[in-house]
Amino acid sequence: MTDVEETVEAAPFDYACAPPLLIARFPAPRRTLGWSMLHPGFATVRDVVWLEVRNSDLGLDVDAHAFLRARLAQAGQGDALAFMTSRDIRRHHFRQSRVEGIEAACLTTVGLSNGERVGARKQPPALAGTINTLVHVSQRLSDGALVEALSIAVQARTAAILDTRPASAEKPVTGTGTDCLVIAAPCDGTPLCCAGLHTAVGEAIGGAVYDATSAGAREWNAEFGIG
């Protein structure tokens, strides 16, 4: 684990790293929205799992979804929302932010071997290094607010990548070709109808995601001598 451990006790979910799995578990099922290999779109889940793989695991003849389902089933996590990455999952990052009583928490792994710049797709197909991000907010969100919250998290992730990219980089990447990002919120309570940049929940999401992604990107740059 790369981050200060005193924040873990206050986290809105438990998480544990036992390679090749990083598992986050909510105290009760959560409503989620995002894109992931399993349970994309709107879903209700209890567990979110990162599976660490090697590029050699995913040859051209391998069905990545079937591969992931089989590995999760072996681990007793067949119902989990799941990410897959070649990033060392021990190098995960957790950050929290609280604004006007609204709390946001972000758990992410940041790998940039698959870096892309929006509007300029690379060829040949990219490697499996990627950014996989879970964001939890403390209050229920309407479907529209979940969509808006997802856009804030993407903005924060991209801003963090751009801000940590070395000045020597020819064209900074804005993400990776296989990023996955999911927003989670409680299923009970009165839902917030908005989650934009002017709202407390939007500010909390932005802060948590930016800080966690920045930490991951800086660690990646240092590990691979980029800068």
Protein backbone atom coordinates (compact mmCIF):
# COMPACT_ATOMS: atom_id res chain seq x y z
CA MET A 1 0.00 0.00 0.00
CA THR A 2 1.36 3.40 -0.96
CA ASP A 3 -0.83 5.79 1.00
CA VAL A 4 -1.18 6.76 4.65
CA GLU A 5 -3.05 4.01 6.45
CA GLU A 6 -4.81 6.19 9.01
CA THR A 7 -7.37 7.15 6.34
CA VAL A 8 -8.46 3.54 5.86
CA GLU A 9 -10.40 3.32 9.15
CA ALA A 10 -12.57 6.26 8.10
CA ALA A 11 -13.20 4.93 4.59
CA PRO A 12 -16.82 4.37 3.53
CA PHE A 13 -15.82 0.90 2.32
CA ASP A 14 -13.32 -1.73 3.37
CA TYR A 15 -10.55 -2.61 0.96
CA ALA A 16 -7.79 -5.17 0.95
CA CYS A 17 -4.96 -5.97 -1.43
CA ALA A 18 -3.96 -9.60 -1.91
CA PRO A 19 -2.37 -9.81 -5.38
CA PRO A 20 -3.61 -10.47 -7.94
CA LEU A 21 -6.76 -8.96 -6.39
CA LEU A 22 -7.60 -5.60 -4.86
CA ILE A 23 -11.10 -5.83 -3.34
CA ALA A 24 -13.33 -3.02 -2.10
CA ARG A 25 -16.48 -4.00 -0.18
CA PHE A 26 -19.33 -1.67 0.73
CA PRO A 27 -21.20 -2.18 4.01
CA ALA A 28 -24.41 -2.45 1.95
CA PRO A 29 -25.17 -2.65 -1.80
CA ARG A 30 -24.49 0.56 -3.72
CA ARG A 31 -26.00 2.02 -6.88
CA THR A 32 -23.25 2.44 -9.46
CA LEU A 33 -22.74 4.03 -12.83
CA GLY A 34 -19.72 3.78 -15.07
CA TRP A 35 -17.94 1.70 -17.58
CA SER A 36 -16.23 -1.49 -16.52
CA MET A 37 -15.81 -4.92 -18.03
CA LEU A 38 -18.44 -6.43 -15.74
CA HIS A 39 -21.59 -4.56 -14.62
CA PRO A 40 -21.16 -1.54 -16.94
CA GLY A 41 -23.81 1.18 -17.02
CA PHE A 42 -26.20 1.35 -14.07
CA ALA A 43 -25.90 -1.49 -11.57
CA THR A 44 -26.25 -2.39 -7.90
CA VAL A 45 -23.23 -4.11 -6.36
CA ARG A 46 -21.56 -4.87 -3.03
CA ASP A 47 -17.98 -5.59 -4.17
CA VAL A 48 -15.61 -3.92 -6.62
CA VAL A 49 -12.53 -5.91 -7.67
CA TRP A 50 -9.31 -5.06 -9.49
CA LEU A 51 -7.60 -8.06 -11.15
CA GLU A 52 -3.91 -7.69 -11.97
CA VAL A 53 -2.89 -9.43 -15.21
CA ARG A 54 0.11 -9.59 -17.50
CA ASN A 55 -0.08 -8.66 -21.17
CA SER A 56 0.74 -12.30 -21.96
CA ASP A 57 -2.54 -13.33 -20.28
CA LEU A 58 -4.55 -11.50 -22.93
CA GLY A 59 -3.43 -12.73 -26.34
CA LEU A 60 -5.46 -12.03 -29.46
CA ASP A 61 -7.21 -15.39 -29.09
CA VAL A 62 -8.34 -14.72 -25.50
CA ASP A 63 -11.89 -13.55 -24.68
CA ALA A 64 -11.05 -10.94 -22.03
CA HIS A 65 -14.55 -10.96 -20.52
CA ALA A 66 -14.61 -14.75 -20.22
CA PHE A 67 -11.09 -14.69 -18.78
CA LEU A 68 -12.12 -12.14 -16.14
CA ARG A 69 -15.32 -13.98 -15.22
CA ALA A 70 -13.40 -17.23 -14.75
CA ARG A 71 -10.75 -15.61 -12.55
CA LEU A 72 -13.38 -13.90 -10.39
CA ALA A 73 -15.36 -17.11 -10.04
CA GLN A 74 -12.21 -18.88 -8.83
CA ALA A 75 -11.83 -16.17 -6.18
CA GLY A 76 -15.48 -16.36 -5.08
CA GLN A 77 -16.19 -12.92 -6.56
CA GLY A 78 -18.46 -13.91 -9.43
CA ASP A 79 -20.98 -11.10 -8.73
CA ALA A 80 -18.45 -8.29 -8.35
CA LEU A 81 -18.07 -5.23 -10.52
CA ALA A 82 -14.59 -5.70 -11.93
CA PHE A 83 -11.61 -3.93 -13.46
CA MET A 84 -8.57 -5.51 -15.08
CA THR A 85 -5.09 -3.96 -15.30
CA SER A 86 -1.42 -4.79 -15.71
CA ARG A 87 -0.54 -2.15 -13.11
CA ASP A 88 0.95 -3.50 -9.88
CA ILE A 89 -2.18 -3.30 -7.71
CA ARG A 90 -0.08 -2.95 -4.57
CA ARG A 91 0.49 0.58 -5.85
CA HIS A 92 -3.09 1.69 -5.30
CA HIS A 93 -4.04 5.11 -3.98
CA PHE A 94 -6.87 6.17 -1.69
CA ARG A 95 -7.97 9.74 -1.03
CA GLN A 96 -11.00 11.37 0.61
CA SER A 97 -12.57 14.83 0.47
CA ARG A 98 -15.34 16.40 2.57
CA VAL A 99 -17.26 19.51 1.49
CA GLU A 100 -20.29 20.88 3.37
CA GLY A 101 -21.03 17.49 4.91
CA ILE A 102 -20.73 15.56 1.65
CA GLU A 103 -17.92 13.02 1.56
CA ALA A 104 -16.26 11.52 -1.49
CA ALA A 105 -13.66 8.76 -1.52
CA CYS A 106 -11.53 7.54 -4.41
CA LEU A 107 -9.58 4.30 -4.77
CA THR A 108 -7.54 4.03 -7.96
CA THR A 109 -4.68 2.30 -9.72
CA VAL A 110 -2.78 4.39 -12.25
CA GLY A 111 -0.84 2.85 -15.11
CA LEU A 112 0.08 4.89 -18.19
CA SER A 113 1.71 2.37 -20.53
CA ASN A 114 -1.53 2.55 -22.51
CA GLY A 115 -1.55 6.36 -22.57
CA GLU A 116 -3.64 8.08 -25.23
CA ARG A 117 -4.45 11.66 -26.18
CA VAL A 118 -8.11 12.28 -26.87
CA GLY A 119 -8.83 12.56 -30.59
CA ALA A 120 -5.60 10.83 -31.61
CA ARG A 121 -6.05 7.06 -31.39
CA LYS A 122 -2.84 5.05 -31.47
CA GLN A 123 -2.05 2.02 -33.59
CA PRO A 124 -1.36 -0.88 -33.10
CA PRO A 125 -3.66 -1.99 -30.25
CA ALA A 126 -2.51 -0.72 -26.87
CA LEU A 127 -1.12 -2.63 -23.91
CA ALA A 128 -3.08 -3.42 -20.77
CA GLY A 129 -1.73 -0.63 -18.54
CA THR A 130 -4.65 1.55 -17.53
CA ILE A 131 -6.34 3.75 -14.92
CA ASN A 132 -9.10 2.03 -12.94
CA THR A 133 -11.04 4.23 -10.54
CA LEU A 134 -13.79 3.76 -7.97
CA VAL A 135 -15.45 6.87 -6.53
CA HIS A 136 -17.91 6.70 -3.63
CA VAL A 137 -20.13 9.57 -2.49
CA SER A 138 -21.87 9.62 0.88
CA GLN A 139 -25.34 10.66 -0.33
CA ARG A 140 -27.75 9.06 -2.74
CA LEU A 141 -27.73 10.56 -6.25
CA SER A 142 -30.47 10.66 -8.87
CA ASP A 143 -29.69 9.00 -12.19
CA GLY A 144 -29.00 12.41 -13.71
CA ALA A 145 -26.73 13.37 -10.83
CA LEU A 146 -24.82 10.08 -11.22
CA VAL A 147 -24.19 10.96 -14.87
CA GLU A 148 -23.04 14.44 -13.88
CA ALA A 149 -20.85 13.04 -11.08
CA LEU A 150 -19.20 10.70 -13.57
CA SER A 151 -18.30 13.66 -15.79
CA ILE A 152 -16.73 15.47 -12.81
CA ALA A 153 -14.64 12.43 -11.94
CA VAL A 154 -13.41 12.17 -15.54
CA GLN A 155 -12.47 15.87 -15.53
CA ALA A 156 -10.56 15.45 -12.29
CA ARG A 157 -8.72 12.37 -13.55
CA THR A 158 -7.72 14.13 -16.77
CA ALA A 159 -6.63 17.31 -14.97
CA ALA A 160 -4.44 15.24 -12.66
CA ILE A 161 -2.75 13.46 -15.57
CA LEU A 162 -2.09 16.72 -17.39
CA ASP A 163 -0.79 18.47 -14.27
CA THR A 164 1.65 15.67 -13.45
CA ARG A 165 2.92 15.11 -16.98
CA PRO A 166 6.56 16.19 -17.32
CA ALA A 167 7.12 19.39 -19.28
CA SER A 168 9.41 17.44 -21.61
CA ALA A 169 6.51 15.30 -22.86
CA GLU A 170 5.81 16.04 -26.53
CA LYS A 171 2.01 15.78 -26.25
CA PRO A 172 0.61 15.01 -22.80
CA VAL A 173 -1.80 12.09 -22.67
CA THR A 174 -5.33 12.70 -21.37
CA GLY A 175 -6.04 9.15 -20.26
CA THR A 176 -5.46 5.60 -21.44
CA GLY A 177 -7.17 3.58 -24.10
CA THR A 178 -8.72 1.22 -21.55
CA ASP A 179 -9.55 3.44 -18.57
CA CYS A 180 -12.51 2.38 -16.41
CA LEU A 181 -14.29 4.62 -13.91
CA VAL A 182 -17.28 3.95 -11.67
CA ILE A 183 -19.30 6.19 -9.34
CA ALA A 184 -21.03 4.53 -6.35
CA ALA A 185 -23.64 6.00 -4.02
CA PRO A 186 -26.07 4.75 -1.35
CA CYS A 187 -29.37 3.26 -2.48
CA ASP A 188 -31.36 4.87 0.37
CA GLY A 189 -32.22 8.44 1.30
CA THR A 190 -33.36 11.51 -0.58
CA PRO A 191 -31.32 11.77 -3.77
CA LEU A 192 -29.37 14.84 -4.78
CA CYS A 193 -30.53 16.00 -8.20
CA CYS A 194 -27.32 17.76 -9.27
CA ALA A 195 -23.60 17.00 -8.96
CA GLY A 196 -21.87 19.64 -11.09
CA LEU A 197 -18.82 21.80 -10.50
CA HIS A 198 -20.85 24.35 -8.51
CA THR A 199 -22.11 21.76 -6.00
CA ALA A 200 -20.58 20.44 -2.78
CA VAL A 201 -20.72 16.87 -4.06
CA GLY A 202 -19.03 17.90 -7.30
CA GLU A 203 -16.26 19.65 -5.41
CA ALA A 204 -15.77 16.66 -3.10
CA ILE A 205 -15.61 14.21 -6.02
CA GLY A 206 -13.17 16.41 -7.89
CA GLY A 207 -10.87 16.77 -4.90
CA ALA A 208 -10.73 13.07 -4.05
CA VAL A 209 -10.24 11.91 -7.64
CA TYR A 210 -7.66 14.58 -8.45
CA ASP A 211 -5.58 13.84 -5.37
CA ALA A 212 -5.65 10.05 -5.80
CA THR A 213 -4.89 10.19 -9.52
CA SER A 214 -2.11 12.73 -9.03
CA ALA A 215 -0.45 10.47 -6.47
CA GLY A 216 -0.69 7.51 -8.82
CA ALA A 217 0.63 9.42 -11.83
CA ARG A 218 3.57 10.85 -9.89
CA GLU A 219 4.45 7.39 -8.65
CA TRP A 220 4.25 6.00 -12.20
CA ASN A 221 6.51 8.75 -13.55
CA ALA A 222 9.07 8.16 -10.79
CA GLU A 223 9.00 4.38 -11.17
CA PHE A 224 9.59 4.49 -14.91
CA GLY A 225 12.00 7.45 -14.92
CA ILE A 226 9.67 9.80 -16.76
CA GLY A 227 10.50 13.41 -16.16
